[in-house]
Amino acid sequence: YIATHAFAAGAIGAMTLGMMARVALGHTARPLKLAKITVAAFILMVIAGVVRVFLPMIPELHTMAIHISGGLWIVAWGLFLVPYTPILLKPRIDGQFG
């Protein structure tokens, strides 16, 4: 049960965020350098996973842990969208197709 949440809330979330960041930069011919806001998104995603795994160990905090973890996920993805939306809506910087 705990391992499933650690894998789902933390590992998959962080891996998806990382893959999307890498692919968005690489496929638009931009340097593979993360913005500080993207680093903050990664940190929040990891914290979301930690909260989802460890806070429910205190039964009274189970519902609150789910809400906090979900909120951190939402904020992390919102932070991801700030720098990457313009990147993904504009053409490649090298003028190539794709």
PDB file of N, CA and C in Angstrom:
ATOM      1  N   TYR A   1       0.831  -1.195   0.000  1.00  0.00           N
ATOM      2  CA  TYR A   1       0.000   0.000   0.000  1.00  0.00           C
ATOM      3  C   TYR A   1       0.874   1.256   0.000  1.00  0.00           C
ATOM      4  N   ILE A   2       1.804   1.338   0.931  1.00  0.00           N
ATOM      5  CA  ILE A   2       2.685   2.503   1.002  1.00  0.00           C
ATOM      6  C   ILE A   2       3.592   2.563  -0.230  1.00  0.00           C
ATOM      7  N   ALA A   3       4.107   1.413  -0.635  1.00  0.00           N
ATOM      8  CA  ALA A   3       4.988   1.389  -1.807  1.00  0.00           C
ATOM      9  C   ALA A   3       4.244   1.826  -3.062  1.00  0.00           C
ATOM     10  N   THR A   4       2.984   1.453  -3.183  1.00  0.00           N
ATOM     11  CA  THR A   4       2.187   1.867  -4.342  1.00  0.00           C
ATOM     12  C   THR A   4       2.054   3.373  -4.387  1.00  0.00           C
ATOM     13  N   HIS A   5       1.792   3.985  -3.252  1.00  0.00           N
ATOM     14  CA  HIS A   5       1.647   5.442  -3.213  1.00  0.00           C
ATOM     15  C   HIS A   5       2.988   6.141  -3.435  1.00  0.00           C
ATOM     16  N   ALA A   6       4.046   5.559  -2.909  1.00  0.00           N
ATOM     17  CA  ALA A   6       5.371   6.145  -3.144  1.00  0.00           C
ATOM     18  C   ALA A   6       5.693   6.126  -4.629  1.00  0.00           C
ATOM     19  N   PHE A   7       5.376   5.004  -5.264  1.00  0.00           N
ATOM     20  CA  PHE A   7       5.642   4.861  -6.692  1.00  0.00           C
ATOM     21  C   PHE A   7       4.738   5.784  -7.505  1.00  0.00           C
ATOM     22  N   ALA A   8       3.443   5.794  -7.186  1.00  0.00           N
ATOM     23  CA  ALA A   8       2.481   6.554  -7.987  1.00  0.00           C
ATOM     24  C   ALA A   8       2.582   8.054  -7.732  1.00  0.00           C
ATOM     25  N   ALA A   9       2.585   8.455  -6.494  1.00  0.00           N
ATOM     26  CA  ALA A   9       2.555   9.893  -6.174  1.00  0.00           C
ATOM     27  C   ALA A   9       3.915  10.547  -6.344  1.00  0.00           C
ATOM     28  N   GLY A  10       4.968   9.841  -6.017  1.00  0.00           N
ATOM     29  CA  GLY A  10       6.292  10.454  -6.080  1.00  0.00           C
ATOM     30  C   GLY A  10       7.070  10.127  -7.331  1.00  0.00           C
ATOM     31  N   ALA A  11       7.334   8.860  -7.546  1.00  0.00           N
ATOM     32  CA  ALA A  11       8.232   8.459  -8.632  1.00  0.00           C
ATOM     33  C   ALA A  11       7.654   8.735 -10.005  1.00  0.00           C
ATOM     34  N   ILE A  12       6.431   8.320 -10.246  1.00  0.00           N
ATOM     35  CA  ILE A  12       5.848   8.530 -11.576  1.00  0.00           C
ATOM     36  C   ILE A  12       5.626  10.018 -11.832  1.00  0.00           C
ATOM     37  N   GLY A  13       5.191  10.740 -10.809  1.00  0.00           N
ATOM     38  CA  GLY A  13       4.992  12.184 -10.974  1.00  0.00           C
ATOM     39  C   GLY A  13       6.283  12.897 -11.337  1.00  0.00           C
ATOM     40  N   ALA A  14       7.352  12.607 -10.603  1.00  0.00           N
ATOM     41  CA  ALA A  14       8.632  13.250 -10.869  1.00  0.00           C
ATOM     42  C   ALA A  14       9.215  12.806 -12.209  1.00  0.00           C
ATOM     43  N   MET A  15       9.061  11.527 -12.530  1.00  0.00           N
ATOM     44  CA  MET A  15       9.585  11.028 -13.804  1.00  0.00           C
ATOM     45  C   MET A  15       8.829  11.638 -14.993  1.00  0.00           C
ATOM     46  N   THR A  16       7.532  11.757 -14.869  1.00  0.00           N
ATOM     47  CA  THR A  16       6.738  12.359 -15.939  1.00  0.00           C
ATOM     48  C   THR A  16       7.120  13.821 -16.125  1.00  0.00           C
ATOM     49  N   LEU A  17       7.249  14.525 -15.030  1.00  0.00           N
ATOM     50  CA  LEU A  17       7.660  15.930 -15.085  1.00  0.00           C
ATOM     51  C   LEU A  17       9.031  16.061 -15.746  1.00  0.00           C
ATOM     52  N   GLY A  18       9.953  15.196 -15.351  1.00  0.00           N
ATOM     53  CA  GLY A  18      11.304  15.235 -15.914  1.00  0.00           C
ATOM     54  C   GLY A  18      11.339  14.910 -17.394  1.00  0.00           C
ATOM     55  N   MET A  19      10.593  13.891 -17.784  1.00  0.00           N
ATOM     56  CA  MET A  19      10.568  13.502 -19.184  1.00  0.00           C
ATOM     57  C   MET A  19       9.946  14.606 -20.039  1.00  0.00           C
ATOM     58  N   MET A  20       8.865  15.189 -19.556  1.00  0.00           N
ATOM     59  CA  MET A  20       8.213  16.253 -20.322  1.00  0.00           C
ATOM     60  C   MET A  20       9.123  17.476 -20.444  1.00  0.00           C
ATOM     61  N   ALA A  21       9.849  17.793 -19.380  1.00  0.00           N
ATOM     62  CA  ALA A  21      10.771  18.930 -19.435  1.00  0.00           C
ATOM     63  C   ALA A  21      11.891  18.660 -20.445  1.00  0.00           C
ATOM     64  N   ARG A  22      12.466  17.473 -20.384  1.00  0.00           N
ATOM     65  CA  ARG A  22      13.574  17.121 -21.284  1.00  0.00           C
ATOM     66  C   ARG A  22      13.129  17.088 -22.742  1.00  0.00           C
ATOM     67  N   VAL A  23      12.012  16.445 -22.991  1.00  0.00           N
ATOM     68  CA  VAL A  23      11.523  16.311 -24.360  1.00  0.00           C
ATOM     69  C   VAL A  23      11.107  17.666 -24.929  1.00  0.00           C
ATOM     70  N   ALA A  24      10.455  18.490 -24.120  1.00  0.00           N
ATOM     71  CA  ALA A  24      10.021  19.808 -24.597  1.00  0.00           C
ATOM     72  C   ALA A  24      11.224  20.658 -24.999  1.00  0.00           C
ATOM     73  N   LEU A  25      12.280  20.614 -24.217  1.00  0.00           N
ATOM     74  CA  LEU A  25      13.470  21.401 -24.564  1.00  0.00           C
ATOM     75  C   LEU A  25      14.196  20.805 -25.764  1.00  0.00           C
ATOM     76  N   GLY A  26      14.407  19.505 -25.751  1.00  0.00           N
ATOM     77  CA  GLY A  26      15.153  18.855 -26.823  1.00  0.00           C
ATOM     78  C   GLY A  26      14.462  18.942 -28.170  1.00  0.00           C
ATOM     79  N   HIS A  27      13.169  18.728 -28.202  1.00  0.00           N
ATOM     80  CA  HIS A  27      12.437  18.720 -29.461  1.00  0.00           C
ATOM     81  C   HIS A  27      12.158  20.118 -30.003  1.00  0.00           C
ATOM     82  N   THR A  28      12.452  21.137 -29.215  1.00  0.00           N
ATOM     83  CA  THR A  28      12.307  22.506 -29.714  1.00  0.00           C
ATOM     84  C   THR A  28      13.676  23.161 -29.894  1.00  0.00           C
ATOM     85  N   ALA A  29      14.735  22.343 -29.845  1.00  0.00           N
ATOM     86  CA  ALA A  29      16.121  22.758 -30.075  1.00  0.00           C
ATOM     87  C   ALA A  29      16.606  23.790 -29.069  1.00  0.00           C
ATOM     88  N   ARG A  30      16.084  23.710 -27.866  1.00  0.00           N
ATOM     89  CA  ARG A  30      16.524  24.628 -26.812  1.00  0.00           C
ATOM     90  C   ARG A  30      17.573  23.935 -25.954  1.00  0.00           C
ATOM     91  N   PRO A  31      18.415  24.725 -25.283  1.00  0.00           N
ATOM     92  CA  PRO A  31      19.423  24.117 -24.398  1.00  0.00           C
ATOM     93  C   PRO A  31      18.751  23.321 -23.273  1.00  0.00           C
ATOM     94  N   LEU A  32      19.368  22.224 -22.896  1.00  0.00           N
ATOM     95  CA  LEU A  32      18.812  21.373 -21.845  1.00  0.00           C
ATOM     96  C   LEU A  32      19.184  21.930 -20.470  1.00  0.00           C
ATOM     97  N   LYS A  33      18.615  23.076 -20.171  1.00  0.00           N
ATOM     98  CA  LYS A  33      18.875  23.757 -18.899  1.00  0.00           C
ATOM     99  C   LYS A  33      17.531  24.110 -18.281  1.00  0.00           C
ATOM    100  N   LEU A  34      17.313  23.657 -17.062  1.00  0.00           N
ATOM    101  CA  LEU A  34      16.040  23.899 -16.400  1.00  0.00           C
ATOM    102  C   LEU A  34      15.975  25.305 -15.818  1.00  0.00           C
ATOM    103  N   ALA A  35      14.806  25.898 -15.931  1.00  0.00           N
ATOM    104  CA  ALA A  35      14.554  27.175 -15.266  1.00  0.00           C
ATOM    105  C   ALA A  35      14.381  26.912 -13.775  1.00  0.00           C
ATOM    106  N   LYS A  36      14.628  27.924 -12.972  1.00  0.00           N
ATOM    107  CA  LYS A  36      14.485  27.765 -11.519  1.00  0.00           C
ATOM    108  C   LYS A  36      13.065  27.381 -11.129  1.00  0.00           C
ATOM    109  N   ILE A  37      12.098  27.893 -11.849  1.00  0.00           N
ATOM    110  CA  ILE A  37      10.709  27.562 -11.551  1.00  0.00           C
ATOM    111  C   ILE A  37      10.428  26.084 -11.806  1.00  0.00           C
ATOM    112  N   THR A  38      11.114  25.490 -12.767  1.00  0.00           N
ATOM    113  CA  THR A  38      10.955  24.066 -13.048  1.00  0.00           C
ATOM    114  C   THR A  38      11.588  23.237 -11.933  1.00  0.00           C
ATOM    115  N   VAL A  39      12.710  23.689 -11.434  1.00  0.00           N
ATOM    116  CA  VAL A  39      13.340  23.010 -10.293  1.00  0.00           C
ATOM    117  C   VAL A  39      12.396  23.043  -9.097  1.00  0.00           C
ATOM    118  N   ALA A  40      11.734  24.178  -8.878  1.00  0.00           N
ATOM    119  CA  ALA A  40      10.759  24.290  -7.788  1.00  0.00           C
ATOM    120  C   ALA A  40       9.613  23.292  -7.999  1.00  0.00           C
ATOM    121  N   ALA A  41       9.195  23.113  -9.248  1.00  0.00           N
ATOM    122  CA  ALA A  41       8.137  22.148  -9.543  1.00  0.00           C
ATOM    123  C   ALA A  41       8.578  20.729  -9.178  1.00  0.00           C
ATOM    124  N   PHE A  42       9.830  20.379  -9.483  1.00  0.00           N
ATOM    125  CA  PHE A  42      10.357  19.068  -9.111  1.00  0.00           C
ATOM    126  C   PHE A  42      10.367  18.886  -7.595  1.00  0.00           C
ATOM    127  N   ILE A  43      10.800  19.900  -6.895  1.00  0.00           N
ATOM    128  CA  ILE A  43      10.853  19.829  -5.432  1.00  0.00           C
ATOM    129  C   ILE A  43       9.454  19.620  -4.862  1.00  0.00           C
ATOM    130  N   LEU A  44       8.482  20.363  -5.371  1.00  0.00           N
ATOM    131  CA  LEU A  44       7.107  20.211  -4.890  1.00  0.00           C
ATOM    132  C   LEU A  44       6.548  18.830  -5.209  1.00  0.00           C
ATOM    133  N   MET A  45       6.906  18.276  -6.352  1.00  0.00           N
ATOM    134  CA  MET A  45       6.436  16.946  -6.723  1.00  0.00           C
ATOM    135  C   MET A  45       6.991  15.894  -5.766  1.00  0.00           C
ATOM    136  N   VAL A  46       8.250  16.018  -5.408  1.00  0.00           N
ATOM    137  CA  VAL A  46       8.856  15.073  -4.462  1.00  0.00           C
ATOM    138  C   VAL A  46       8.224  15.231  -3.078  1.00  0.00           C
ATOM    139  N   ILE A  47       8.015  16.476  -2.657  1.00  0.00           N
ATOM    140  CA  ILE A  47       7.361  16.712  -1.366  1.00  0.00           C
ATOM    141  C   ILE A  47       5.951  16.116  -1.374  1.00  0.00           C
ATOM    142  N   ALA A  48       5.243  16.244  -2.485  1.00  0.00           N
ATOM    143  CA  ALA A  48       3.898  15.663  -2.599  1.00  0.00           C
ATOM    144  C   ALA A  48       3.951  14.158  -2.375  1.00  0.00           C
ATOM    145  N   GLY A  49       4.934  13.507  -2.949  1.00  0.00           N
ATOM    146  CA  GLY A  49       5.080  12.067  -2.754  1.00  0.00           C
ATOM    147  C   GLY A  49       5.405  11.707  -1.314  1.00  0.00           C
ATOM    148  N   VAL A  50       6.285  12.467  -0.702  1.00  0.00           N
ATOM    149  CA  VAL A  50       6.657  12.216   0.694  1.00  0.00           C
ATOM    150  C   VAL A  50       5.457  12.415   1.621  1.00  0.00           C
ATOM    151  N   VAL A  51       4.704  13.490   1.381  1.00  0.00           N
ATOM    152  CA  VAL A  51       3.516  13.754   2.191  1.00  0.00           C
ATOM    153  C   VAL A  51       2.505  12.627   2.016  1.00  0.00           C
ATOM    154  N   ARG A  52       2.301  12.183   0.788  1.00  0.00           N
ATOM    155  CA  ARG A  52       1.306  11.143   0.512  1.00  0.00           C
ATOM    156  C   ARG A  52       1.678   9.814   1.151  1.00  0.00           C
ATOM    157  N   VAL A  53       2.972   9.556   1.302  1.00  0.00           N
ATOM    158  CA  VAL A  53       3.413   8.290   1.872  1.00  0.00           C
ATOM    159  C   VAL A  53       3.453   8.342   3.401  1.00  0.00           C
ATOM    160  N   PHE A  54       4.023   9.405   3.952  1.00  0.00           N
ATOM    161  CA  PHE A  54       4.309   9.396   5.381  1.00  0.00           C
ATOM    162  C   PHE A  54       3.239  10.018   6.274  1.00  0.00           C
ATOM    163  N   LEU A  55       2.550  11.054   5.842  1.00  0.00           N
ATOM    164  CA  LEU A  55       1.541  11.673   6.696  1.00  0.00           C
ATOM    165  C   LEU A  55       0.385  10.737   7.035  1.00  0.00           C
ATOM    166  N   PRO A  56      -0.077   9.894   6.118  1.00  0.00           N
ATOM    167  CA  PRO A  56      -1.170   8.973   6.469  1.00  0.00           C
ATOM    168  C   PRO A  56      -0.806   7.937   7.529  1.00  0.00           C
ATOM    169  N   MET A  57       0.460   7.847   7.882  1.00  0.00           N
ATOM    170  CA  MET A  57       0.835   6.935   8.963  1.00  0.00           C
ATOM    171  C   MET A  57       0.223   7.376  10.292  1.00  0.00           C
ATOM    172  N   ILE A  58      -0.158   8.635  10.373  1.00  0.00           N
ATOM    173  CA  ILE A  58      -0.922   9.150  11.509  1.00  0.00           C
ATOM    174  C   ILE A  58      -2.373   9.159  11.037  1.00  0.00           C
ATOM    175  N   PRO A  59      -3.188   8.232  11.504  1.00  0.00           N
ATOM    176  CA  PRO A  59      -4.541   8.060  10.950  1.00  0.00           C
ATOM    177  C   PRO A  59      -5.377   9.347  10.890  1.00  0.00           C
ATOM    178  N   GLU A  60      -5.229  10.212  11.857  1.00  0.00           N
ATOM    179  CA  GLU A  60      -6.013  11.450  11.866  1.00  0.00           C
ATOM    180  C   GLU A  60      -5.635  12.392  10.716  1.00  0.00           C
ATOM    181  N   LEU A  61      -4.468  12.185  10.148  1.00  0.00           N
ATOM    182  CA  LEU A  61      -3.977  13.078   9.089  1.00  0.00           C
ATOM    183  C   LEU A  61      -4.170  12.501   7.687  1.00  0.00           C
ATOM    184  N   HIS A  62      -4.808  11.364   7.578  1.00  0.00           N
ATOM    185  CA  HIS A  62      -4.925  10.692   6.282  1.00  0.00           C
ATOM    186  C   HIS A  62      -5.606  11.571   5.236  1.00  0.00           C
ATOM    187  N   THR A  63      -6.778  12.088   5.534  1.00  0.00           N
ATOM    188  CA  THR A  63      -7.509  12.911   4.566  1.00  0.00           C
ATOM    189  C   THR A  63      -6.742  14.188   4.251  1.00  0.00           C
ATOM    190  N   MET A  64      -6.187  14.806   5.276  1.00  0.00           N
ATOM    191  CA  MET A  64      -5.421  16.029   5.062  1.00  0.00           C
ATOM    192  C   MET A  64      -4.196  15.751   4.181  1.00  0.00           C
ATOM    193  N   ALA A  65      -3.557  14.602   4.373  1.00  0.00           N
ATOM    194  CA  ALA A  65      -2.387  14.246   3.571  1.00  0.00           C
ATOM    195  C   ALA A  65      -2.740  14.134   2.098  1.00  0.00           C
ATOM    196  N   ILE A  66      -3.884  13.537   1.809  1.00  0.00           N
ATOM    197  CA  ILE A  66      -4.315  13.403   0.417  1.00  0.00           C
ATOM    198  C   ILE A  66      -4.552  14.781  -0.191  1.00  0.00           C
ATOM    199  N   HIS A  67      -5.174  15.664   0.558  1.00  0.00           N
ATOM    200  CA  HIS A  67      -5.446  17.013   0.053  1.00  0.00           C
ATOM    201  C   HIS A  67      -4.155  17.813  -0.145  1.00  0.00           C
ATOM    202  N   ILE A  68      -3.259  17.717   0.803  1.00  0.00           N
ATOM    203  CA  ILE A  68      -1.981  18.440   0.681  1.00  0.00           C
ATOM    204  C   ILE A  68      -1.188  17.898  -0.504  1.00  0.00           C
ATOM    205  N   SER A  69      -1.095  16.582  -0.599  1.00  0.00           N
ATOM    206  CA  SER A  69      -0.345  15.970  -1.691  1.00  0.00           C
ATOM    207  C   SER A  69      -0.941  16.346  -3.044  1.00  0.00           C
ATOM    208  N   GLY A  70      -2.253  16.256  -3.158  1.00  0.00           N
ATOM    209  CA  GLY A  70      -2.910  16.644  -4.410  1.00  0.00           C
ATOM    210  C   GLY A  70      -2.707  18.106  -4.742  1.00  0.00           C
ATOM    211  N   GLY A  71      -2.775  18.953  -3.720  1.00  0.00           N
ATOM    212  CA  GLY A  71      -2.535  20.388  -3.929  1.00  0.00           C
ATOM    213  C   GLY A  71      -1.124  20.667  -4.406  1.00  0.00           C
ATOM    214  N   LEU A  72      -0.157  19.963  -3.817  1.00  0.00           N
ATOM    215  CA  LEU A  72       1.232  20.135  -4.244  1.00  0.00           C
ATOM    216  C   LEU A  72       1.432  19.668  -5.683  1.00  0.00           C
ATOM    217  N   TRP A  73       0.743  18.590  -6.070  1.00  0.00           N
ATOM    218  CA  TRP A  73       0.792  18.134  -7.463  1.00  0.00           C
ATOM    219  C   TRP A  73       0.273  19.223  -8.393  1.00  0.00           C
ATOM    220  N   ILE A  74      -0.858  19.805  -8.035  1.00  0.00           N
ATOM    221  CA  ILE A  74      -1.460  20.847  -8.872  1.00  0.00           C
ATOM    222  C   ILE A  74      -0.520  22.041  -9.000  1.00  0.00           C
ATOM    223  N   VAL A  75       0.062  22.457  -7.892  1.00  0.00           N
ATOM    224  CA  VAL A  75       0.987  23.598  -7.929  1.00  0.00           C
ATOM    225  C   VAL A  75       2.226  23.244  -8.757  1.00  0.00           C
ATOM    226  N   ALA A  76       2.742  22.039  -8.586  1.00  0.00           N
ATOM    227  CA  ALA A  76       3.929  21.619  -9.353  1.00  0.00           C
ATOM    228  C   ALA A  76       3.654  21.660 -10.854  1.00  0.00           C
ATOM    229  N   TRP A  77       2.517  21.122 -11.274  1.00  0.00           N
ATOM    230  CA  TRP A  77       2.188  21.140 -12.703  1.00  0.00           C
ATOM    231  C   TRP A  77       1.900  22.556 -13.185  1.00  0.00           C
ATOM    232  N   GLY A  78       1.315  23.384 -12.330  1.00  0.00           N
ATOM    233  CA  GLY A  78       1.101  24.789 -12.690  1.00  0.00           C
ATOM    234  C   GLY A  78       2.425  25.506 -12.915  1.00  0.00           C
ATOM    235  N   LEU A  79       3.387  25.247 -12.032  1.00  0.00           N
ATOM    236  CA  LEU A  79       4.715  25.849 -12.194  1.00  0.00           C
ATOM    237  C   LEU A  79       5.386  25.339 -13.469  1.00  0.00           C
ATOM    238  N   PHE A  80       5.184  24.087 -13.789  1.00  0.00           N
ATOM    239  CA  PHE A  80       5.737  23.535 -15.031  1.00  0.00           C
ATOM    240  C   PHE A  80       5.172  24.267 -16.245  1.00  0.00           C
ATOM    241  N   LEU A  81       3.897  24.559 -16.211  1.00  0.00           N
ATOM    242  CA  LEU A  81       3.246  25.210 -17.350  1.00  0.00           C
ATOM    243  C   LEU A  81       3.754  26.624 -17.614  1.00  0.00           C
ATOM    244  N   VAL A  82       4.207  27.310 -16.578  1.00  0.00           N
ATOM    245  CA  VAL A  82       4.633  28.711 -16.751  1.00  0.00           C
ATOM    246  C   VAL A  82       5.732  28.836 -17.807  1.00  0.00           C
ATOM    247  N   PRO A  83       6.869  28.155 -17.687  1.00  0.00           N
ATOM    248  CA  PRO A  83       7.888  28.317 -18.726  1.00  0.00           C
ATOM    249  C   PRO A  83       7.661  27.463 -19.967  1.00  0.00           C
ATOM    250  N   TYR A  84       6.949  26.337 -19.835  1.00  0.00           N
ATOM    251  CA  TYR A  84       6.855  25.405 -20.952  1.00  0.00           C
ATOM    252  C   TYR A  84       5.699  25.674 -21.907  1.00  0.00           C
ATOM    253  N   THR A  85       4.679  26.362 -21.483  1.00  0.00           N
ATOM    254  CA  THR A  85       3.589  26.679 -22.413  1.00  0.00           C
ATOM    255  C   THR A  85       4.095  27.505 -23.589  1.00  0.00           C
ATOM    256  N   PRO A  86       4.817  28.609 -23.349  1.00  0.00           N
ATOM    257  CA  PRO A  86       5.329  29.365 -24.508  1.00  0.00           C
ATOM    258  C   PRO A  86       6.303  28.553 -25.365  1.00  0.00           C
ATOM    259  N   ILE A  87       7.124  27.730 -24.717  1.00  0.00           N
ATOM    260  CA  ILE A  87       8.080  26.906 -25.463  1.00  0.00           C
ATOM    261  C   ILE A  87       7.345  25.970 -26.414  1.00  0.00           C
ATOM    262  N   LEU A  88       6.286  25.365 -25.936  1.00  0.00           N
ATOM    263  CA  LEU A  88       5.570  24.379 -26.739  1.00  0.00           C
ATOM    264  C   LEU A  88       4.621  25.002 -27.760  1.00  0.00           C
ATOM    265  N   LEU A  89       4.299  26.266 -27.598  1.00  0.00           N
ATOM    266  CA  LEU A  89       3.412  26.927 -28.553  1.00  0.00           C
ATOM    267  C   LEU A  89       4.161  27.654 -29.666  1.00  0.00           C
ATOM    268  N   LYS A  90       5.462  27.853 -29.483  1.00  0.00           N
ATOM    269  CA  LYS A  90       6.268  28.550 -30.485  1.00  0.00           C
ATOM    270  C   LYS A  90       7.014  27.538 -31.346  1.00  0.00           C
ATOM    271  N   PRO A  91       7.436  27.970 -32.540  1.00  0.00           N
ATOM    272  CA  PRO A  91       8.234  27.073 -33.386  1.00  0.00           C
ATOM    273  C   PRO A  91       9.606  26.785 -32.761  1.00  0.00           C
ATOM    274  N   ARG A  92      10.259  25.775 -33.277  1.00  0.00           N
ATOM    275  CA  ARG A  92      11.625  25.448 -32.857  1.00  0.00           C
ATOM    276  C   ARG A  92      12.528  26.673 -33.058  1.00  0.00           C
ATOM    277  N   ILE A  93      13.514  26.831 -32.200  1.00  0.00           N
ATOM    278  CA  ILE A  93      14.371  28.016 -32.338  1.00  0.00           C
ATOM    279  C   ILE A  93      15.391  27.885 -33.476  1.00  0.00           C
ATOM    280  N   ASP A  94      15.597  26.667 -33.980  1.00  0.00           N
ATOM    281  CA  ASP A  94      16.551  26.502 -35.076  1.00  0.00           C
ATOM    282  C   ASP A  94      15.881  26.550 -36.449  1.00  0.00           C
ATOM    283  N   GLY A  95      14.564  26.759 -36.477  1.00  0.00           N
ATOM    284  CA  GLY A  95      13.855  26.866 -37.736  1.00  0.00           C
ATOM    285  C   GLY A  95      13.545  25.547 -38.424  1.00  0.00           C
ATOM    286  N   GLN A  96      13.993  24.447 -37.871  1.00  0.00           N
ATOM    287  CA  GLN A  96      13.743  23.132 -38.451  1.00  0.00           C
ATOM    288  C   GLN A  96      12.279  22.726 -38.263  1.00  0.00           C
ATOM    289  N   PHE A  97      11.832  21.766 -39.044  1.00  0.00           N
ATOM    290  CA  PHE A  97      10.480  21.229 -38.883  1.00  0.00           C
ATOM    291  C   PHE A  97      10.448  20.285 -37.685  1.00  0.00           C
ATOM    292  N   GLY A  98       9.347  20.275 -36.977  1.00  0.00           N
ATOM    293  CA  GLY A  98       9.173  19.306 -35.900  1.00  0.00           C
ATOM    294  C   GLY A  98       9.164  19.924 -34.603  1.00  0.00           C
TER     295      GLY A  98
END
